[in-house]
PDB file of N, CA and C in Angstrom:
ATOM      1  N   MET A   1     128.401  26.854  51.215  1.00  0.00           N
ATOM      2  CA  MET A   1     127.510  27.755  50.566  1.00  0.00           C
ATOM      3  C   MET A   1     126.895  27.085  49.322  1.00  0.00           C
ATOM      4  N   VAL A   2     127.665  26.318  48.597  1.00  0.00           N
ATOM      5  CA  VAL A   2     127.195  25.614  47.418  1.00  0.00           C
ATOM      6  C   VAL A   2     126.134  24.598  47.829  1.00  0.00           C
ATOM      7  N   ALA A   3     126.341  23.958  48.964  1.00  0.00           N
ATOM      8  CA  ALA A   3     125.371  22.972  49.440  1.00  0.00           C
ATOM      9  C   ALA A   3     124.062  23.664  49.811  1.00  0.00           C
ATOM     10  N   ALA A   4     124.138  24.829  50.418  1.00  0.00           N
ATOM     11  CA  ALA A   4     122.939  25.560  50.802  1.00  0.00           C
ATOM     12  C   ALA A   4     122.198  26.029  49.564  1.00  0.00           C
ATOM     13  N   LEU A   5     122.939  26.484  48.553  1.00  0.00           N
ATOM     14  CA  LEU A   5     122.333  26.915  47.302  1.00  0.00           C
ATOM     15  C   LEU A   5     121.666  25.741  46.582  1.00  0.00           C
ATOM     16  N   ALA A   6     122.311  24.602  46.596  1.00  0.00           N
ATOM     17  CA  ALA A   6     121.753  23.409  45.953  1.00  0.00           C
ATOM     18  C   ALA A   6     120.486  22.978  46.687  1.00  0.00           C
ATOM     19  N   ALA A   7     120.512  23.062  48.010  1.00  0.00           N
ATOM     20  CA  ALA A   7     119.335  22.692  48.810  1.00  0.00           C
ATOM     21  C   ALA A   7     118.197  23.666  48.517  1.00  0.00           C
ATOM     22  N   GLN A   8     118.538  24.953  48.417  1.00  0.00           N
ATOM     23  CA  GLN A   8     117.522  25.967  48.118  1.00  0.00           C
ATOM     24  C   GLN A   8     116.930  25.743  46.723  1.00  0.00           C
ATOM     25  N   LYS A   9     117.798  25.392  45.766  1.00  0.00           N
ATOM     26  CA  LYS A   9     117.360  25.130  44.409  1.00  0.00           C
ATOM     27  C   LYS A   9     116.430  23.920  44.376  1.00  0.00           C
ATOM     28  N   GLU A  10     116.811  22.872  45.115  1.00  0.00           N
ATOM     29  CA  GLU A  10     115.997  21.656  45.171  1.00  0.00           C
ATOM     30  C   GLU A  10     114.662  21.938  45.846  1.00  0.00           C
ATOM     31  N   LEU A  11     114.673  22.733  46.897  1.00  0.00           N
ATOM     32  CA  LEU A  11     113.443  23.106  47.609  1.00  0.00           C
ATOM     33  C   LEU A  11     112.536  23.922  46.707  1.00  0.00           C
ATOM     34  N   THR A  12     113.101  24.834  45.934  1.00  0.00           N
ATOM     35  CA  THR A  12     112.326  25.648  45.006  1.00  0.00           C
ATOM     36  C   THR A  12     111.736  24.778  43.904  1.00  0.00           C
ATOM     37  N   ALA A  13     112.498  23.818  43.410  1.00  0.00           N
ATOM     38  CA  ALA A  13     112.025  22.928  42.352  1.00  0.00           C
ATOM     39  C   ALA A  13     110.868  22.065  42.867  1.00  0.00           C
ATOM     40  N   SER A  14     110.985  21.541  44.078  1.00  0.00           N
ATOM     41  CA  SER A  14     109.901  20.697  44.620  1.00  0.00           C
ATOM     42  C   SER A  14     108.663  21.547  44.925  1.00  0.00           C
ATOM     43  N   ALA A  15     108.871  22.776  45.384  1.00  0.00           N
ATOM     44  CA  ALA A  15     107.734  23.677  45.625  1.00  0.00           C
ATOM     45  C   ALA A  15     107.060  24.026  44.308  1.00  0.00           C
ATOM     46  N   PHE A  16     107.879  24.253  43.254  1.00  0.00           N
ATOM     47  CA  PHE A  16     107.326  24.548  41.940  1.00  0.00           C
ATOM     48  C   PHE A  16     106.542  23.349  41.396  1.00  0.00           C
ATOM     49  N   ALA A  17     107.059  22.154  41.579  1.00  0.00           N
ATOM     50  CA  ALA A  17     106.388  20.936  41.109  1.00  0.00           C
ATOM     51  C   ALA A  17     105.068  20.742  41.856  1.00  0.00           C
ATOM     52  N   ALA A  18     105.077  20.964  43.155  1.00  0.00           N
ATOM     53  CA  ALA A  18     103.857  20.839  43.956  1.00  0.00           C
ATOM     54  C   ALA A  18     102.841  21.892  43.532  1.00  0.00           C
ATOM     55  N   SER A  19     103.346  23.091  43.243  1.00  0.00           N
ATOM     56  CA  SER A  19     102.473  24.162  42.795  1.00  0.00           C
ATOM     57  C   SER A  19     101.859  23.800  41.435  1.00  0.00           C
ATOM     58  N   GLU A  20     102.630  23.206  40.525  1.00  0.00           N
ATOM     59  CA  GLU A  20     102.129  22.779  39.213  1.00  0.00           C
ATOM     60  C   GLU A  20     101.028  21.726  39.380  1.00  0.00           C
ATOM     61  N   LYS A  21     101.265  20.764  40.282  1.00  0.00           N
ATOM     62  CA  LYS A  21     100.252  19.720  40.531  1.00  0.00           C
ATOM     63  C   LYS A  21      98.969  20.341  41.076  1.00  0.00           C
ATOM     64  N   ALA A  22      99.121  21.292  41.993  1.00  0.00           N
ATOM     65  CA  ALA A  22      97.946  21.956  42.582  1.00  0.00           C
ATOM     66  C   ALA A  22      97.189  22.752  41.521  1.00  0.00           C
ATOM     67  N   ILE A  23      97.929  23.393  40.640  1.00  0.00           N
ATOM     68  CA  ILE A  23      97.289  24.170  39.574  1.00  0.00           C
ATOM     69  C   ILE A  23      96.517  23.240  38.644  1.00  0.00           C
ATOM     70  N   VAL A  24      97.102  22.103  38.270  1.00  0.00           N
ATOM     71  CA  VAL A  24      96.437  21.144  37.384  1.00  0.00           C
ATOM     72  C   VAL A  24      95.170  20.614  38.057  1.00  0.00           C
ATOM     73  N   LYS A  25      95.268  20.260  39.346  1.00  0.00           N
ATOM     74  CA  LYS A  25      94.109  19.766  40.073  1.00  0.00           C
ATOM     75  C   LYS A  25      93.009  20.828  40.139  1.00  0.00           C
ATOM     76  N   ALA A  26      93.386  22.066  40.397  1.00  0.00           N
ATOM     77  CA  ALA A  26      92.407  23.158  40.485  1.00  0.00           C
ATOM     78  C   ALA A  26      91.749  23.393  39.130  1.00  0.00           C
ATOM     79  N   GLU A  27      92.555  23.337  38.047  1.00  0.00           N
ATOM     80  CA  GLU A  27      91.983  23.518  36.710  1.00  0.00           C
ATOM     81  C   GLU A  27      91.006  22.390  36.372  1.00  0.00           C
ATOM     82  N   ASN A  28      91.361  21.151  36.716  1.00  0.00           N
ATOM     83  CA  ASN A  28      90.459  20.020  36.471  1.00  0.00           C
ATOM     84  C   ASN A  28      89.169  20.163  37.274  1.00  0.00           C
ATOM     85  N   ALA A  29      89.308  20.542  38.519  1.00  0.00           N
ATOM     86  CA  ALA A  29      88.126  20.736  39.361  1.00  0.00           C
ATOM     87  C   ALA A  29      87.244  21.853  38.798  1.00  0.00           C
ATOM     88  N   GLN A  30      87.862  22.934  38.327  1.00  0.00           N
ATOM     89  CA  GLN A  30      87.095  24.048  37.751  1.00  0.00           C
ATOM     90  C   GLN A  30      86.383  23.612  36.469  1.00  0.00           C
ATOM     91  N   GLN A  31      87.058  22.809  35.654  1.00  0.00           N
ATOM     92  CA  GLN A  31      86.426  22.311  34.429  1.00  0.00           C
ATOM     93  C   GLN A  31      85.206  21.438  34.761  1.00  0.00           C
ATOM     94  N   GLU A  32      85.353  20.545  35.738  1.00  0.00           N
ATOM     95  CA  GLU A  32      84.232  19.696  36.134  1.00  0.00           C
ATOM     96  C   GLU A  32      83.074  20.545  36.678  1.00  0.00           C
ATOM     97  N   TYR A  33      83.415  21.563  37.474  1.00  0.00           N
ATOM     98  CA  TYR A  33      82.388  22.463  38.003  1.00  0.00           C
ATOM     99  C   TYR A  33      81.678  23.197  36.866  1.00  0.00           C
ATOM    100  N   ASN A  34      82.469  23.682  35.897  1.00  0.00           N
ATOM    101  CA  ASN A  34      81.881  24.400  34.764  1.00  0.00           C
ATOM    102  C   ASN A  34      80.942  23.489  33.957  1.00  0.00           C
ATOM    103  N   ILE A  35      81.348  22.235  33.784  1.00  0.00           N
ATOM    104  CA  ILE A  35      80.495  21.287  33.049  1.00  0.00           C
ATOM    105  C   ILE A  35      79.177  21.094  33.784  1.00  0.00           C
ATOM    106  N   ARG A  36      79.236  20.834  35.100  1.00  0.00           N
ATOM    107  CA  ARG A  36      78.008  20.659  35.887  1.00  0.00           C
ATOM    108  C   ARG A  36      77.171  21.935  35.892  1.00  0.00           C
ATOM    109  N   SER A  37      77.827  23.054  36.010  1.00  0.00           N
ATOM    110  CA  SER A  37      77.123  24.334  36.027  1.00  0.00           C
ATOM    111  C   SER A  37      76.442  24.590  34.685  1.00  0.00           C
ATOM    112  N   ASN A  38      77.116  24.282  33.592  1.00  0.00           N
ATOM    113  CA  ASN A  38      76.515  24.475  32.270  1.00  0.00           C
ATOM    114  C   ASN A  38      75.328  23.531  32.061  1.00  0.00           C
ATOM    115  N   GLU A  39      75.446  22.296  32.566  1.00  0.00           N
ATOM    116  CA  GLU A  39      74.313  21.368  32.475  1.00  0.00           C
ATOM    117  C   GLU A  39      73.115  21.918  33.246  1.00  0.00           C
ATOM    118  N   PHE A  40      73.383  22.438  34.445  1.00  0.00           N
ATOM    119  CA  PHE A  40      72.304  22.996  35.264  1.00  0.00           C
ATOM    120  C   PHE A  40      71.677  24.207  34.580  1.00  0.00           C
ATOM    121  N   ARG A  41      72.529  25.066  34.022  1.00  0.00           N
ATOM    122  CA  ARG A  41      72.005  26.227  33.288  1.00  0.00           C
ATOM    123  C   ARG A  41      71.183  25.778  32.085  1.00  0.00           C
ATOM    124  N   GLY A  42      71.643  24.749  31.412  1.00  0.00           N
ATOM    125  CA  GLY A  42      70.904  24.214  30.276  1.00  0.00           C
ATOM    126  C   GLY A  42      69.539  23.682  30.703  1.00  0.00           C
ATOM    127  N   GLN A  43      69.501  22.983  31.851  1.00  0.00           N
ATOM    128  CA  GLN A  43      68.228  22.485  32.366  1.00  0.00           C
ATOM    129  C   GLN A  43      67.294  23.642  32.701  1.00  0.00           C
ATOM    130  N   LEU A  44      67.817  24.656  33.343  1.00  0.00           N
ATOM    131  CA  LEU A  44      67.000  25.831  33.667  1.00  0.00           C
ATOM    132  C   LEU A  44      66.510  26.522  32.401  1.00  0.00           C
ATOM    133  N   ASP A  45      67.369  26.608  31.398  1.00  0.00           N
ATOM    134  CA  ASP A  45      66.980  27.226  30.133  1.00  0.00           C
ATOM    135  C   ASP A  45      65.877  26.410  29.455  1.00  0.00           C
ATOM    136  N   ASP A  46      66.036  25.088  29.425  1.00  0.00           N
ATOM    137  CA  ASP A  46      64.999  24.218  28.846  1.00  0.00           C
ATOM    138  C   ASP A  46      63.685  24.369  29.598  1.00  0.00           C
ATOM    139  N   GLN A  47      63.782  24.420  30.920  1.00  0.00           N
ATOM    140  CA  GLN A  47      62.577  24.565  31.732  1.00  0.00           C
ATOM    141  C   GLN A  47      61.903  25.907  31.454  1.00  0.00           C
ATOM    142  N   ALA A  48      62.687  26.960  31.357  1.00  0.00           N
ATOM    143  CA  ALA A  48      62.128  28.286  31.079  1.00  0.00           C
ATOM    144  C   ALA A  48      61.470  28.320  29.703  1.00  0.00           C
ATOM    145  N   LYS A  49      62.021  27.593  28.747  1.00  0.00           N
ATOM    146  CA  LYS A  49      61.418  27.552  27.415  1.00  0.00           C
ATOM    147  C   LYS A  49      60.103  26.778  27.429  1.00  0.00           C
ATOM    148  N   MET A  50      59.998  25.762  28.279  1.00  0.00           N
ATOM    149  CA  MET A  50      58.811  24.914  28.302  1.00  0.00           C
ATOM    150  C   MET A  50      57.689  25.499  29.156  1.00  0.00           C
ATOM    151  N   LEU A  51      58.037  26.282  30.163  1.00  0.00           N
ATOM    152  CA  LEU A  51      57.000  26.846  31.031  1.00  0.00           C
ATOM    153  C   LEU A  51      56.257  27.964  30.305  1.00  0.00           C
ATOM    154  N   MET A  52      54.970  28.066  30.625  1.00  0.00           N
ATOM    155  CA  MET A  52      54.149  29.080  29.992  1.00  0.00           C
ATOM    156  C   MET A  52      54.152  30.343  30.869  1.00  0.00           C
ATOM    157  N   PRO A  53      54.283  31.501  30.258  1.00  0.00           N
ATOM    158  CA  PRO A  53      54.245  32.729  31.055  1.00  0.00           C
ATOM    159  C   PRO A  53      52.892  32.894  31.748  1.00  0.00           C
ATOM    160  N   ARG A  54      52.906  33.531  32.896  1.00  0.00           N
ATOM    161  CA  ARG A  54      51.693  33.685  33.702  1.00  0.00           C
ATOM    162  C   ARG A  54      50.597  34.427  32.933  1.00  0.00           C
ATOM    163  N   ARG A  55      50.933  35.497  32.257  1.00  0.00           N
ATOM    164  CA  ARG A  55      49.916  36.263  31.523  1.00  0.00           C
ATOM    165  C   ARG A  55      49.252  35.414  30.452  1.00  0.00           C
ATOM    166  N   GLU A  56      50.050  34.639  29.734  1.00  0.00           N
ATOM    167  CA  GLU A  56      49.498  33.775  28.689  1.00  0.00           C
ATOM    168  C   GLU A  56      48.578  32.712  29.305  1.00  0.00           C
ATOM    169  N   THR A  57      48.992  32.161  30.423  1.00  0.00           N
ATOM    170  CA  THR A  57      48.181  31.155  31.115  1.00  0.00           C
ATOM    171  C   THR A  57      46.866  31.749  31.578  1.00  0.00           C
ATOM    172  N   GLU A  58      46.919  32.929  32.188  1.00  0.00           N
ATOM    173  CA  GLU A  58      45.692  33.570  32.654  1.00  0.00           C
ATOM    174  C   GLU A  58      44.761  33.896  31.488  1.00  0.00           C
ATOM    175  N   GLN A  59      45.327  34.311  30.376  1.00  0.00           N
ATOM    176  CA  GLN A  59      44.519  34.617  29.201  1.00  0.00           C
ATOM    177  C   GLN A  59      43.831  33.346  28.684  1.00  0.00           C
ATOM    178  N   LEU A  60      44.563  32.237  28.634  1.00  0.00           N
ATOM    179  CA  LEU A  60      43.965  30.978  28.179  1.00  0.00           C
ATOM    180  C   LEU A  60      42.850  30.522  29.113  1.00  0.00           C
ATOM    181  N   PHE A  61      43.077  30.643  30.421  1.00  0.00           N
ATOM    182  CA  PHE A  61      42.030  30.262  31.377  1.00  0.00           C
ATOM    183  C   PHE A  61      40.800  31.148  31.210  1.00  0.00           C
ATOM    184  N   SER A  62      41.024  32.420  30.989  1.00  0.00           N
ATOM    185  CA  SER A  62      39.909  33.342  30.789  1.00  0.00           C
ATOM    186  C   SER A  62      39.117  32.961  29.544  1.00  0.00           C
ATOM    187  N   GLN A  63      39.818  32.669  28.454  1.00  0.00           N
ATOM    188  CA  GLN A  63      39.143  32.245  27.227  1.00  0.00           C
ATOM    189  C   GLN A  63      38.404  30.926  27.438  1.00  0.00           C
ATOM    190  N   SER A  64      39.022  30.011  28.168  1.00  0.00           N
ATOM    191  CA  SER A  64      38.378  28.717  28.436  1.00  0.00           C
ATOM    192  C   SER A  64      37.102  28.913  29.232  1.00  0.00           C
ATOM    193  N   ASN A  65      37.144  29.800  30.223  1.00  0.00           N
ATOM    194  CA  ASN A  65      35.951  30.039  31.030  1.00  0.00           C
ATOM    195  C   ASN A  65      34.829  30.639  30.188  1.00  0.00           C
ATOM    196  N   SER A  66      35.163  31.573  29.299  1.00  0.00           N
ATOM    197  CA  SER A  66      34.114  32.159  28.459  1.00  0.00           C
ATOM    198  C   SER A  66      33.591  31.120  27.474  1.00  0.00           C
ATOM    199  N   ASN A  67      34.460  30.267  26.963  1.00  0.00           N
ATOM    200  CA  ASN A  67      34.008  29.185  26.078  1.00  0.00           C
ATOM    201  C   ASN A  67      33.101  28.216  26.833  1.00  0.00           C
ATOM    202  N   MET A  68      33.419  27.938  28.084  1.00  0.00           N
ATOM    203  CA  MET A  68      32.586  27.040  28.894  1.00  0.00           C
ATOM    204  C   MET A  68      31.203  27.648  29.105  1.00  0.00           C
ATOM    205  N   GLU A  69      31.136  28.958  29.304  1.00  0.00           N
ATOM    206  CA  GLU A  69      29.835  29.603  29.483  1.00  0.00           C
ATOM    207  C   GLU A  69      28.989  29.483  28.220  1.00  0.00           C
ATOM    208  N   VAL A  70      29.630  29.645  27.058  1.00  0.00           N
ATOM    209  CA  VAL A  70      28.915  29.495  25.785  1.00  0.00           C
ATOM    210  C   VAL A  70      28.412  28.062  25.648  1.00  0.00           C
ATOM    211  N   LEU A  71      29.259  27.091  25.979  1.00  0.00           N
ATOM    212  CA  LEU A  71      28.848  25.686  25.903  1.00  0.00           C
ATOM    213  C   LEU A  71      27.700  25.382  26.859  1.00  0.00           C
ATOM    214  N   ARG A  72      27.769  25.940  28.068  1.00  0.00           N
ATOM    215  CA  ARG A  72      26.673  25.721  29.031  1.00  0.00           C
ATOM    216  C   ARG A  72      25.356  26.271  28.488  1.00  0.00           C
ATOM    217  N   ALA A  73      25.416  27.464  27.900  1.00  0.00           N
ATOM    218  CA  ALA A  73      24.207  28.063  27.324  1.00  0.00           C
ATOM    219  C   ALA A  73      23.678  27.200  26.185  1.00  0.00           C
ATOM    220  N   ASP A  74      24.579  26.678  25.351  1.00  0.00           N
ATOM    221  CA  ASP A  74      24.153  25.804  24.252  1.00  0.00           C
ATOM    222  C   ASP A  74      23.521  24.521  24.786  1.00  0.00           C
ATOM    223  N   ILE A  75      24.096  23.958  25.822  1.00  0.00           N
ATOM    224  CA  ILE A  75      23.552  22.725  26.406  1.00  0.00           C
ATOM    225  C   ILE A  75      22.162  22.973  26.971  1.00  0.00           C
ATOM    226  N   VAL A  76      21.979  24.102  27.650  1.00  0.00           N
ATOM    227  CA  VAL A  76      20.659  24.432  28.197  1.00  0.00           C
ATOM    228  C   VAL A  76      19.652  24.596  27.066  1.00  0.00           C
ATOM    229  N   ALA A  77      20.058  25.255  25.981  1.00  0.00           N
ATOM    230  CA  ALA A  77      19.154  25.452  24.846  1.00  0.00           C
ATOM    231  C   ALA A  77      18.776  24.117  24.213  1.00  0.00           C
ATOM    232  N   VAL A  78      19.742  23.238  24.049  1.00  0.00           N
ATOM    233  CA  VAL A  78      19.457  21.920  23.471  1.00  0.00           C
ATOM    234  C   VAL A  78      18.544  21.123  24.403  1.00  0.00           C
ATOM    235  N   ARG A  79      18.819  21.173  25.691  1.00  0.00           N
ATOM    236  CA  ARG A  79      17.992  20.453  26.664  1.00  0.00           C
ATOM    237  C   ARG A  79      16.546  20.971  26.625  1.00  0.00           C
ATOM    238  N   ASP A  80      16.385  22.289  26.543  1.00  0.00           N
ATOM    239  CA  ASP A  80      15.032  22.858  26.470  1.00  0.00           C
ATOM    240  C   ASP A  80      14.319  22.429  25.191  1.00  0.00           C
ATOM    241  N   GLU A  81      15.042  22.435  24.077  1.00  0.00           N
ATOM    242  CA  GLU A  81      14.446  22.042  22.800  1.00  0.00           C
ATOM    243  C   GLU A  81      14.027  20.568  22.822  1.00  0.00           C
ATOM    244  N   VAL A  82      14.886  19.719  23.365  1.00  0.00           N
ATOM    245  CA  VAL A  82      14.549  18.288  23.460  1.00  0.00           C
ATOM    246  C   VAL A  82      13.335  18.095  24.363  1.00  0.00           C
ATOM    247  N   SER A  83      13.297  18.803  25.477  1.00  0.00           N
ATOM    248  CA  SER A  83      12.152  18.697  26.387  1.00  0.00           C
ATOM    249  C   SER A  83      10.872  19.158  25.703  1.00  0.00           C
ATOM    250  N   ARG A  84      10.973  20.226  24.927  1.00  0.00           N
ATOM    251  CA  ARG A  84       9.805  20.742  24.231  1.00  0.00           C
ATOM    252  C   ARG A  84       9.298  19.695  23.227  1.00  0.00           C
ATOM    253  N   HIS A  85      10.211  19.088  22.483  1.00  0.00           N
ATOM    254  CA  HIS A  85       9.813  18.079  21.504  1.00  0.00           C
ATOM    255  C   HIS A  85       9.248  16.835  22.188  1.00  0.00           C
ATOM    256  N   LEU A  86       9.926  16.403  23.254  1.00  0.00           N
ATOM    257  CA  LEU A  86       9.435  15.218  23.955  1.00  0.00           C
ATOM    258  C   LEU A  86       8.083  15.495  24.593  1.00  0.00           C
ATOM    259  N   GLY A  87       7.914  16.691  25.129  1.00  0.00           N
ATOM    260  CA  GLY A  87       6.629  17.067  25.720  1.00  0.00           C
ATOM    261  C   GLY A  87       5.546  17.118  24.653  1.00  0.00           C
ATOM    262  N   GLY A  88       5.870  17.664  23.484  1.00  0.00           N
ATOM    263  CA  GLY A  88       4.902  17.715  22.381  1.00  0.00           C
ATOM    264  C   GLY A  88       4.529  16.323  21.916  1.00  0.00           C
ATOM    265  N   ASP A  89       5.522  15.444  21.810  1.00  0.00           N
ATOM    266  CA  ASP A  89       5.252  14.060  21.407  1.00  0.00           C
ATOM    267  C   ASP A  89       4.375  13.371  22.428  1.00  0.00           C
ATOM    268  N   ALA A  90       4.646  13.593  23.690  1.00  0.00           N
ATOM    269  CA  ALA A  90       3.834  12.970  24.745  1.00  0.00           C
ATOM    270  C   ALA A  90       2.409  13.504  24.687  1.00  0.00           C
ATOM    271  N   GLY A  91       2.252  14.790  24.445  1.00  0.00           N
ATOM    272  CA  GLY A  91       0.916  15.380  24.336  1.00  0.00           C
ATOM    273  C   GLY A  91       0.160  14.820  23.147  1.00  0.00           C
ATOM    274  N   ARG A  92       0.868  14.673  22.019  1.00  0.00           N
ATOM    275  CA  ARG A  92       0.216  14.091  20.838  1.00  0.00           C
ATOM    276  C   ARG A  92      -0.185  12.645  21.083  1.00  0.00           C
ATOM    277  N   ARG A  93       0.691  11.893  21.749  1.00  0.00           N
ATOM    278  CA  ARG A  93       0.344  10.499  22.056  1.00  0.00           C
ATOM    279  C   ARG A  93      -0.864  10.425  22.974  1.00  0.00           C
ATOM    280  N   LEU A  94      -0.898  11.304  23.971  1.00  0.00           N
ATOM    281  CA  LEU A  94      -2.029  11.315  24.900  1.00  0.00           C
ATOM    282  C   LEU A  94      -3.315  11.681  24.155  1.00  0.00           C
ATOM    283  N   GLY A  95      -3.234  12.668  23.264  1.00  0.00           N
ATOM    284  CA  GLY A  95      -4.404  13.048  22.469  1.00  0.00           C
ATOM    285  C   GLY A  95      -4.868  11.897  21.575  1.00  0.00           C
ATOM    286  N   ALA A  96      -3.906  11.187  20.971  1.00  0.00           N
ATOM    287  CA  ALA A  96      -4.271  10.047  20.119  1.00  0.00           C
ATOM    288  C   ALA A  96      -4.921   8.947  20.952  1.00  0.00           C
ATOM    289  N   GLU A  97      -4.396   8.708  22.143  1.00  0.00           N
ATOM    290  CA  GLU A  97      -4.988   7.688  23.014  1.00  0.00           C
ATOM    291  C   GLU A  97      -6.416   8.067  23.407  1.00  0.00           C
ATOM    292  N   LYS A  98      -6.616   9.338  23.726  1.00  0.00           N
ATOM    293  CA  LYS A  98      -7.976   9.789  24.074  1.00  0.00           C
ATOM    294  C   LYS A  98      -8.921   9.598  22.886  1.00  0.00           C
ATOM    295  N   LEU A  99      -8.429   9.922  21.679  1.00  0.00           N
ATOM    296  CA  LEU A  99      -9.239   9.748  20.480  1.00  0.00           C
ATOM    297  C   LEU A  99      -9.600   8.275  20.282  1.00  0.00           C
ATOM    298  N   HIS A 100      -8.609   7.406  20.455  1.00  0.00           N
ATOM    299  CA  HIS A 100      -8.871   5.970  20.301  1.00  0.00           C
ATOM    300  C   HIS A 100      -9.906   5.485  21.318  1.00  0.00           C
ATOM    301  N   TRP A 101      -9.789   5.941  22.557  1.00  0.00           N
ATOM    302  CA  TRP A 101     -10.765   5.545  23.584  1.00  0.00           C
ATOM    303  C   TRP A 101     -12.164   6.064  23.229  1.00  0.00           C
ATOM    304  N   THR A 102     -12.196   7.304  22.770  1.00  0.00           N
ATOM    305  CA  THR A 102     -13.493   7.893  22.418  1.00  0.00           C
ATOM    306  C   THR A 102     -14.133   7.134  21.258  1.00  0.00           C
ATOM    307  N   VAL A 103     -13.353   6.875  20.214  1.00  0.00           N
ATOM    308  CA  VAL A 103     -13.881   6.145  19.063  1.00  0.00           C
ATOM    309  C   VAL A 103     -14.289   4.733  19.470  1.00  0.00           C
ATOM    310  N   GLY A 104     -13.465   4.076  20.235  1.00  0.00           N
ATOM    311  CA  GLY A 104     -13.775   2.715  20.685  1.00  0.00           C
ATOM    312  C   GLY A 104     -15.028   2.671  21.535  1.00  0.00           C
ATOM    313  N   THR A 105     -15.137   3.632  22.456  1.00  0.00           N
ATOM    314  CA  THR A 105     -16.321   3.688  23.322  1.00  0.00           C
ATOM    315  C   THR A 105     -17.566   3.993  22.494  1.00  0.00           C
ATOM    316  N   SER A 106     -17.420   4.903  21.518  1.00  0.00           N
ATOM    317  CA  SER A 106     -18.562   5.239  20.654  1.00  0.00           C
ATOM    318  C   SER A 106     -19.005   4.022  19.843  1.00  0.00           C
ATOM    319  N   ILE A 107     -18.077   3.287  19.303  1.00  0.00           N
ATOM    320  CA  ILE A 107     -18.411   2.091  18.527  1.00  0.00           C
ATOM    321  C   ILE A 107     -19.087   1.052  19.418  1.00  0.00           C
ATOM    322  N   ALA A 108     -18.538   0.884  20.627  1.00  0.00           N
ATOM    323  CA  ALA A 108     -19.134  -0.079  21.552  1.00  0.00           C
ATOM    324  C   ALA A 108     -20.548   0.352  21.937  1.00  0.00           C
ATOM    325  N   ALA A 109     -20.727   1.643  22.214  1.00  0.00           N
ATOM    326  CA  ALA A 109     -22.054   2.141  22.576  1.00  0.00           C
ATOM    327  C   ALA A 109     -23.003   1.980  21.398  1.00  0.00           C
ATOM    328  N   GLY A 110     -22.527   2.284  20.180  1.00  0.00           N
ATOM    329  CA  GLY A 110     -23.347   2.110  18.991  1.00  0.00           C
ATOM    330  C   GLY A 110     -23.740   0.652  18.805  1.00  0.00           C
ATOM    331  N   ALA A 111     -22.789  -0.247  19.019  1.00  0.00           N
ATOM    332  CA  ALA A 111     -23.071  -1.676  18.892  1.00  0.00           C
ATOM    333  C   ALA A 111     -24.117  -2.100  19.919  1.00  0.00           C
ATOM    334  N   LEU A 112     -24.002  -1.562  21.145  1.00  0.00           N
ATOM    335  CA  LEU A 112     -24.998  -1.885  22.176  1.00  0.00           C
ATOM    336  C   LEU A 112     -26.380  -1.372  21.775  1.00  0.00           C
ATOM    337  N   VAL A 113     -26.405  -0.160  21.224  1.00  0.00           N
ATOM    338  CA  VAL A 113     -27.682   0.409  20.794  1.00  0.00           C
ATOM    339  C   VAL A 113     -28.278  -0.451  19.682  1.00  0.00           C
ATOM    340  N   VAL A 114     -27.455  -0.827  18.697  1.00  0.00           N
ATOM    341  CA  VAL A 114     -27.937  -1.659  17.586  1.00  0.00           C
ATOM    342  C   VAL A 114     -28.424  -3.013  18.115  1.00  0.00           C
ATOM    343  N   ALA A 115     -27.663  -3.587  19.036  1.00  0.00           N
ATOM    344  CA  ALA A 115     -28.053  -4.882  19.604  1.00  0.00           C
ATOM    345  C   ALA A 115     -29.362  -4.750  20.380  1.00  0.00           C
ATOM    346  N   PHE A 116     -29.474  -3.661  21.157  1.00  0.00           N
ATOM    347  CA  PHE A 116     -30.695  -3.449  21.938  1.00  0.00           C
ATOM    348  C   PHE A 116     -31.897  -3.249  21.009  1.00  0.00           C
ATOM    349  N   LEU A 117     -31.685  -2.452  19.950  1.00  0.00           N
ATOM    350  CA  LEU A 117     -32.755  -2.230  18.987  1.00  0.00           C
ATOM    351  C   LEU A 117     -33.118  -3.538  18.275  1.00  0.00           C
ATOM    352  N   GLY A 118     -32.109  -4.315  17.953  1.00  0.00           N
ATOM    353  CA  GLY A 118     -32.367  -5.615  17.333  1.00  0.00           C
ATOM    354  C   GLY A 118     -33.157  -6.512  18.263  1.00  0.00           C
ATOM    355  N   PHE A 119     -32.832  -6.479  19.533  1.00  0.00           N
ATOM    356  CA  PHE A 119     -33.526  -7.285  20.522  1.00  0.00           C
ATOM    357  C   PHE A 119     -34.979  -6.808  20.625  1.00  0.00           C
ATOM    358  N   LEU A 120     -35.158  -5.488  20.655  1.00  0.00           N
ATOM    359  CA  LEU A 120     -36.524  -4.929  20.717  1.00  0.00           C
ATOM    360  C   LEU A 120     -37.328  -5.320  19.476  1.00  0.00           C
ATOM    361  N   MET A 121     -36.704  -5.305  18.325  1.00  0.00           N
ATOM    362  CA  MET A 121     -37.390  -5.673  17.089  1.00  0.00           C
ATOM    363  C   MET A 121     -37.814  -7.140  17.125  1.00  0.00           C
ATOM    364  N   VAL A 122     -36.963  -7.966  17.684  1.00  0.00           N
ATOM    365  CA  VAL A 122     -37.308  -9.378  17.797  1.00  0.00           C
ATOM    366  C   VAL A 122     -38.495  -9.535  18.749  1.00  0.00           C
ATOM    367  N   LEU A 123     -38.478  -8.827  19.839  1.00  0.00           N
ATOM    368  CA  LEU A 123     -39.565  -8.915  20.816  1.00  0.00           C
ATOM    369  C   LEU A 123     -40.898  -8.397  20.207  1.00  0.00           C
ATOM    370  N   ILE A 124     -40.779  -7.290  19.492  1.00  0.00           N
ATOM    371  CA  ILE A 124     -41.983  -6.687  18.909  1.00  0.00           C
ATOM    372  C   ILE A 124     -42.537  -7.614  17.820  1.00  0.00           C
ATOM    373  N   SER A 125     -41.662  -8.230  17.046  1.00  0.00           N
ATOM    374  CA  SER A 125     -42.135  -9.082  15.972  1.00  0.00           C
ATOM    375  C   SER A 125     -42.800 -10.347  16.499  1.00  0.00           C
ATOM    376  N   LYS A 126     -42.516 -10.768  17.701  1.00  0.00           N
ATOM    377  CA  LYS A 126     -43.128 -11.948  18.272  1.00  0.00           C
ATOM    378  C   LYS A 126     -44.531 -11.642  18.761  1.00  0.00           C
ATOM    379  N   PHE A 127     -44.858 -10.444  19.004  1.00  0.00           N
ATOM    380  CA  PHE A 127     -46.188 -10.093  19.517  1.00  0.00           C
ATOM    381  C   PHE A 127     -47.083  -9.800  18.440  1.00  0.00           C
TER     382      PHE A 127
END
């Protein structure tokens, strides 16, 4: 009976030791899992802090679109103003060129008239 009790005691001690080892292994595994899980939660938290909420994003896009429309209108106005000035400058240049041609032609015609009259005077004076 003493031998059976000693065997039972030894069996209980080895079962207890195995149970202690299993508990330590399970606790270590749980700690490692918790560390990985906390890292993942931290990454998700960081990501959530960095991402912009949908409403805020839509509001910014809406503001950007209205700002783009204002810029487009300003660009069209500037383009029209530049065209108006360039067109006016071209018209003034064309008018100046016409004036120069007219004055030049008038001077040339006047010179021809003077030369012709001079020629006639020479002819008349010879007779």
